[in-house]
Amino acid sequence: MKYFIKEWVVPIAIALVIVLFLNKFIFILVTVPTGSMEDTIIPGDRLYVNELFDVKDAVRGDILVFKSEELDNKRLVKRLIGLPGDTVEVTSNSEVYVNNEKIDEPYAVKWEGEAKTFKVPENSYFFLGDNRPISYDARYWENPYIDESKIIGKVLFRFFPFNRVGKVE
């Protein structure tokens, strides 16, 4: 019995404590409810999000999770397009320019809509969904900018469904 406790119960208990600690303080699990990020992220995908991520290290194209005041502090998953100080121009024919340079977005679904220009304030960020025809994102929000204090973390890994397990890019 001593052998069983020492070799099985103790290691399993330690592993559970480590997993609980990681899930509480370092990673959060997010389930995606909508198709706003298709085909990159599909509704029902379950993602690991790194909460220790420093938003100052964010680069254009990262997929981040943040709380949106626009939607009662609901957690959203979107792609980072504009950094503090950037000028983002969204054209009526699916093109996005940042600081007068067209950005390559092979992940974005084409759409047609109203052309708009956004000037991202300091300490704020600008996000769009990949599935632009159906994504309710910064183009439509009353305040299109997300304060850095509202950013929760960076999406790292999809762990469900099993046929799509892997790094999210």
C-alpha atoms as a PDB file:
ATOM      1  CA  MET A   1       0.000   0.000   0.000  1.00  0.00           C
ATOM      2  CA  LYS A   2       2.859   2.382   0.846  1.00  0.00           C
ATOM      3  CA  TYR A   3       4.362   1.718  -2.579  1.00  0.00           C
ATOM      4  CA  PHE A   4       1.043   2.483  -4.301  1.00  0.00           C
ATOM      5  CA  ILE A   5       0.649   5.795  -2.478  1.00  0.00           C
ATOM      6  CA  LYS A   6       4.272   6.820  -3.067  1.00  0.00           C
ATOM      7  CA  GLU A   7       4.410   5.784  -6.726  1.00  0.00           C
ATOM      8  CA  TRP A   8       0.876   6.616  -7.895  1.00  0.00           C
ATOM      9  CA  VAL A   9      -1.189   8.801  -5.572  1.00  0.00           C
ATOM     10  CA  VAL A  10       1.490  11.393  -4.741  1.00  0.00           C
ATOM     11  CA  PRO A  11       2.608  12.009  -8.381  1.00  0.00           C
ATOM     12  CA  ILE A  12      -0.993  12.237  -9.586  1.00  0.00           C
ATOM     13  CA  ALA A  13      -1.877  14.663  -6.778  1.00  0.00           C
ATOM     14  CA  ILE A  14       1.165  16.812  -7.589  1.00  0.00           C
ATOM     15  CA  ALA A  15       0.284  16.810 -11.298  1.00  0.00           C
ATOM     16  CA  LEU A  16      -3.283  17.905 -10.515  1.00  0.00           C
ATOM     17  CA  VAL A  17      -2.067  20.741  -8.298  1.00  0.00           C
ATOM     18  CA  ILE A  18       0.294  21.918 -11.057  1.00  0.00           C
ATOM     19  CA  VAL A  19      -2.468  21.799 -13.685  1.00  0.00           C
ATOM     20  CA  LEU A  20      -4.867  23.708 -11.427  1.00  0.00           C
ATOM     21  CA  PHE A  21      -2.181  26.324 -10.698  1.00  0.00           C
ATOM     22  CA  LEU A  22      -1.386  26.754 -14.411  1.00  0.00           C
ATOM     23  CA  ASN A  23      -5.080  27.059 -15.307  1.00  0.00           C
ATOM     24  CA  LYS A  24      -5.715  29.573 -12.527  1.00  0.00           C
ATOM     25  CA  PHE A  25      -2.709  31.882 -12.871  1.00  0.00           C
ATOM     26  CA  ILE A  26      -0.953  31.361 -16.205  1.00  0.00           C
ATOM     27  CA  PHE A  27      -3.363  29.964 -18.794  1.00  0.00           C
ATOM     28  CA  ILE A  28      -7.076  30.307 -19.234  1.00  0.00           C
ATOM     29  CA  LEU A  29      -9.265  28.139 -21.374  1.00  0.00           C
ATOM     30  CA  VAL A  30     -11.546  29.872 -23.860  1.00  0.00           C
ATOM     31  CA  THR A  31     -14.316  28.361 -25.958  1.00  0.00           C
ATOM     32  CA  VAL A  32     -15.111  30.280 -29.137  1.00  0.00           C
ATOM     33  CA  PRO A  33     -18.888  30.795 -29.565  1.00  0.00           C
ATOM     34  CA  THR A  34     -19.125  32.532 -32.965  1.00  0.00           C
ATOM     35  CA  GLY A  35     -17.764  32.306 -36.496  1.00  0.00           C
ATOM     36  CA  SER A  36     -16.108  35.735 -36.468  1.00  0.00           C
ATOM     37  CA  MET A  37     -12.626  34.180 -36.730  1.00  0.00           C
ATOM     38  CA  GLU A  38     -13.378  31.407 -39.270  1.00  0.00           C
ATOM     39  CA  ASP A  39     -11.438  29.644 -40.828  1.00  0.00           C
ATOM     40  CA  THR A  40      -8.628  30.252 -38.348  1.00  0.00           C
ATOM     41  CA  ILE A  41     -10.800  29.451 -35.333  1.00  0.00           C
ATOM     42  CA  ILE A  42     -14.099  27.597 -35.683  1.00  0.00           C
ATOM     43  CA  PRO A  43     -17.072  27.908 -33.278  1.00  0.00           C
ATOM     44  CA  GLY A  44     -16.599  25.355 -30.514  1.00  0.00           C
ATOM     45  CA  ASP A  45     -12.793  25.417 -30.666  1.00  0.00           C
ATOM     46  CA  ARG A  46     -11.234  25.365 -27.219  1.00  0.00           C
ATOM     47  CA  LEU A  47      -8.115  27.458 -26.836  1.00  0.00           C
ATOM     48  CA  TYR A  48      -5.314  27.940 -24.330  1.00  0.00           C
ATOM     49  CA  VAL A  49      -4.637  31.625 -23.724  1.00  0.00           C
ATOM     50  CA  ASN A  50      -1.392  32.829 -22.117  1.00  0.00           C
ATOM     51  CA  GLU A  51      -2.332  35.336 -19.391  1.00  0.00           C
ATOM     52  CA  LEU A  52       1.312  36.195 -18.686  1.00  0.00           C
ATOM     53  CA  PHE A  53       1.562  37.730 -22.158  1.00  0.00           C
ATOM     54  CA  ASP A  54       2.822  41.334 -22.065  1.00  0.00           C
ATOM     55  CA  VAL A  55       0.715  43.432 -24.433  1.00  0.00           C
ATOM     56  CA  LYS A  56       3.791  45.579 -25.147  1.00  0.00           C
ATOM     57  CA  ASP A  57       5.164  42.516 -26.979  1.00  0.00           C
ATOM     58  CA  ALA A  58       2.084  42.238 -29.211  1.00  0.00           C
ATOM     59  CA  VAL A  59       2.636  42.341 -32.948  1.00  0.00           C
ATOM     60  CA  ARG A  60       0.186  42.949 -35.760  1.00  0.00           C
ATOM     61  CA  GLY A  61      -1.501  39.677 -36.641  1.00  0.00           C
ATOM     62  CA  ASP A  62      -1.504  38.194 -33.141  1.00  0.00           C
ATOM     63  CA  ILE A  63      -4.784  36.654 -32.016  1.00  0.00           C
ATOM     64  CA  LEU A  64      -5.639  38.056 -28.595  1.00  0.00           C
ATOM     65  CA  VAL A  65      -8.400  37.695 -26.037  1.00  0.00           C
ATOM     66  CA  PHE A  66      -9.750  40.855 -24.427  1.00  0.00           C
ATOM     67  CA  LYS A  67     -12.748  42.184 -22.548  1.00  0.00           C
ATOM     68  CA  SER A  68     -15.011  44.410 -24.586  1.00  0.00           C
ATOM     69  CA  GLU A  69     -16.825  47.238 -22.814  1.00  0.00           C
ATOM     70  CA  GLU A  70     -18.935  47.384 -25.955  1.00  0.00           C
ATOM     71  CA  LEU A  71     -20.402  43.984 -25.058  1.00  0.00           C
ATOM     72  CA  ASP A  72     -20.653  44.220 -21.237  1.00  0.00           C
ATOM     73  CA  ASN A  73     -17.040  43.101 -20.674  1.00  0.00           C
ATOM     74  CA  LYS A  74     -17.598  39.880 -22.593  1.00  0.00           C
ATOM     75  CA  ARG A  75     -14.390  38.078 -23.628  1.00  0.00           C
ATOM     76  CA  LEU A  76     -13.710  38.337 -27.355  1.00  0.00           C
ATOM     77  CA  VAL A  77     -11.136  36.640 -29.581  1.00  0.00           C
ATOM     78  CA  LYS A  78      -9.946  38.812 -32.498  1.00  0.00           C
ATOM     79  CA  ARG A  79      -6.873  39.550 -34.579  1.00  0.00           C
ATOM     80  CA  LEU A  80      -4.706  42.536 -33.675  1.00  0.00           C
ATOM     81  CA  ILE A  81      -4.554  44.972 -36.586  1.00  0.00           C
ATOM     82  CA  GLY A  82      -3.647  48.382 -35.133  1.00  0.00           C
ATOM     83  CA  LEU A  83      -1.052  49.222 -32.491  1.00  0.00           C
ATOM     84  CA  PRO A  84      -0.917  52.459 -30.463  1.00  0.00           C
ATOM     85  CA  GLY A  85      -0.347  55.428 -32.780  1.00  0.00           C
ATOM     86  CA  ASP A  86      -1.257  53.531 -35.976  1.00  0.00           C
ATOM     87  CA  THR A  87      -3.655  54.827 -38.608  1.00  0.00           C
ATOM     88  CA  VAL A  88      -5.826  51.992 -39.900  1.00  0.00           C
ATOM     89  CA  GLU A  89      -7.800  52.424 -43.115  1.00  0.00           C
ATOM     90  CA  VAL A  90     -10.413  49.803 -43.966  1.00  0.00           C
ATOM     91  CA  THR A  91     -11.455  50.141 -47.607  1.00  0.00           C
ATOM     92  CA  SER A  92     -14.847  49.262 -49.077  1.00  0.00           C
ATOM     93  CA  ASN A  93     -13.352  46.302 -50.988  1.00  0.00           C
ATOM     94  CA  SER A  94     -11.744  44.239 -48.208  1.00  0.00           C
ATOM     95  CA  GLU A  95      -8.357  45.894 -48.061  1.00  0.00           C
ATOM     96  CA  VAL A  96      -6.726  47.092 -44.863  1.00  0.00           C
ATOM     97  CA  TYR A  97      -3.956  49.679 -44.772  1.00  0.00           C
ATOM     98  CA  VAL A  98      -1.890  50.444 -41.701  1.00  0.00           C
ATOM     99  CA  ASN A  99       0.088  53.675 -41.848  1.00  0.00           C
ATOM    100  CA  ASN A 100      -0.592  53.858 -45.616  1.00  0.00           C
ATOM    101  CA  GLU A 101       0.776  50.349 -46.289  1.00  0.00           C
ATOM    102  CA  LYS A 102      -1.513  47.541 -47.396  1.00  0.00           C
ATOM    103  CA  ILE A 103      -1.222  44.578 -45.059  1.00  0.00           C
ATOM    104  CA  ASP A 104      -1.255  41.017 -46.351  1.00  0.00           C
ATOM    105  CA  GLU A 105      -4.148  39.126 -44.787  1.00  0.00           C
ATOM    106  CA  PRO A 106      -4.404  35.630 -46.302  1.00  0.00           C
ATOM    107  CA  TYR A 107      -6.582  34.612 -43.333  1.00  0.00           C
ATOM    108  CA  ALA A 108      -9.255  37.295 -43.904  1.00  0.00           C
ATOM    109  CA  VAL A 109     -12.542  36.521 -45.637  1.00  0.00           C
ATOM    110  CA  LYS A 110     -13.343  39.120 -48.322  1.00  0.00           C
ATOM    111  CA  TRP A 111     -16.219  41.521 -47.743  1.00  0.00           C
ATOM    112  CA  GLU A 112     -17.629  44.763 -49.047  1.00  0.00           C
ATOM    113  CA  GLY A 113     -18.604  47.579 -46.758  1.00  0.00           C
ATOM    114  CA  GLU A 114     -18.164  51.177 -45.791  1.00  0.00           C
ATOM    115  CA  ALA A 115     -14.640  52.608 -45.952  1.00  0.00           C
ATOM    116  CA  LYS A 116     -13.435  53.930 -42.603  1.00  0.00           C
ATOM    117  CA  THR A 117     -10.257  55.340 -41.113  1.00  0.00           C
ATOM    118  CA  PHE A 118      -9.192  54.892 -37.488  1.00  0.00           C
ATOM    119  CA  LYS A 119      -6.406  56.572 -35.516  1.00  0.00           C
ATOM    120  CA  VAL A 120      -5.424  54.241 -32.665  1.00  0.00           C
ATOM    121  CA  PRO A 121      -4.807  56.190 -29.424  1.00  0.00           C
ATOM    122  CA  GLU A 122      -1.866  55.559 -27.111  1.00  0.00           C
ATOM    123  CA  ASN A 123      -2.310  52.550 -24.804  1.00  0.00           C
ATOM    124  CA  SER A 124      -5.048  51.196 -27.085  1.00  0.00           C
ATOM    125  CA  TYR A 125      -5.338  48.566 -29.796  1.00  0.00           C
ATOM    126  CA  PHE A 126      -7.542  47.932 -32.837  1.00  0.00           C
ATOM    127  CA  PHE A 127      -8.988  44.475 -33.629  1.00  0.00           C
ATOM    128  CA  LEU A 128     -10.821  42.826 -36.515  1.00  0.00           C
ATOM    129  CA  GLY A 129     -12.260  39.347 -36.935  1.00  0.00           C
ATOM    130  CA  ASP A 130     -10.946  37.160 -39.764  1.00  0.00           C
ATOM    131  CA  ASN A 131     -14.446  36.416 -41.086  1.00  0.00           C
ATOM    132  CA  ARG A 132     -15.135  40.051 -41.941  1.00  0.00           C
ATOM    133  CA  PRO A 133     -18.628  39.622 -43.477  1.00  0.00           C
ATOM    134  CA  ILE A 134     -20.060  38.422 -40.149  1.00  0.00           C
ATOM    135  CA  SER A 135     -17.593  39.699 -37.541  1.00  0.00           C
ATOM    136  CA  TYR A 136     -18.925  42.312 -35.124  1.00  0.00           C
ATOM    137  CA  ASP A 137     -15.616  44.043 -34.525  1.00  0.00           C
ATOM    138  CA  ALA A 138     -13.976  47.484 -34.230  1.00  0.00           C
ATOM    139  CA  ARG A 139     -15.510  48.640 -37.521  1.00  0.00           C
ATOM    140  CA  TYR A 140     -18.910  48.710 -35.828  1.00  0.00           C
ATOM    141  CA  TRP A 141     -18.205  49.464 -32.170  1.00  0.00           C
ATOM    142  CA  GLU A 142     -19.069  52.841 -30.688  1.00  0.00           C
ATOM    143  CA  ASN A 143     -15.521  52.944 -29.288  1.00  0.00           C
ATOM    144  CA  PRO A 144     -13.374  50.948 -31.752  1.00  0.00           C
ATOM    145  CA  TYR A 145     -10.296  50.858 -29.509  1.00  0.00           C
ATOM    146  CA  ILE A 146      -9.462  48.395 -26.748  1.00  0.00           C
ATOM    147  CA  ASP A 147      -7.465  49.765 -23.826  1.00  0.00           C
ATOM    148  CA  GLU A 148      -4.370  47.708 -22.994  1.00  0.00           C
ATOM    149  CA  SER A 149      -5.762  47.056 -19.494  1.00  0.00           C
ATOM    150  CA  LYS A 150      -8.604  45.052 -21.104  1.00  0.00           C
ATOM    151  CA  ILE A 151      -6.303  42.641 -22.927  1.00  0.00           C
ATOM    152  CA  ILE A 152      -6.275  39.260 -21.202  1.00  0.00           C
ATOM    153  CA  GLY A 153      -3.750  37.291 -23.212  1.00  0.00           C
ATOM    154  CA  LYS A 154      -2.539  35.746 -26.428  1.00  0.00           C
ATOM    155  CA  VAL A 155      -4.070  32.652 -28.001  1.00  0.00           C
ATOM    156  CA  LEU A 156      -1.392  29.968 -28.111  1.00  0.00           C
ATOM    157  CA  PHE A 157      -2.867  26.580 -28.753  1.00  0.00           C
ATOM    158  CA  ARG A 158      -6.071  24.803 -29.774  1.00  0.00           C
ATOM    159  CA  PHE A 159      -6.659  21.675 -27.698  1.00  0.00           C
ATOM    160  CA  PHE A 160     -10.128  20.735 -29.001  1.00  0.00           C
ATOM    161  CA  PRO A 161     -11.454  19.369 -31.312  1.00  0.00           C
ATOM    162  CA  PHE A 162      -8.799  16.693 -31.494  1.00  0.00           C
ATOM    163  CA  ASN A 163      -8.606  16.752 -35.300  1.00  0.00           C
ATOM    164  CA  ARG A 164      -7.536  20.432 -35.126  1.00  0.00           C
ATOM    165  CA  VAL A 165      -5.154  20.311 -32.139  1.00  0.00           C
ATOM    166  CA  GLY A 166      -2.135  22.568 -32.568  1.00  0.00           C
ATOM    167  CA  LYS A 167      -0.723  26.060 -32.564  1.00  0.00           C
ATOM    168  CA  VAL A 168      -3.113  28.816 -33.645  1.00  0.00           C
ATOM    169  CA  GLU A 169      -1.714  31.328 -36.140  1.00  0.00           C
END
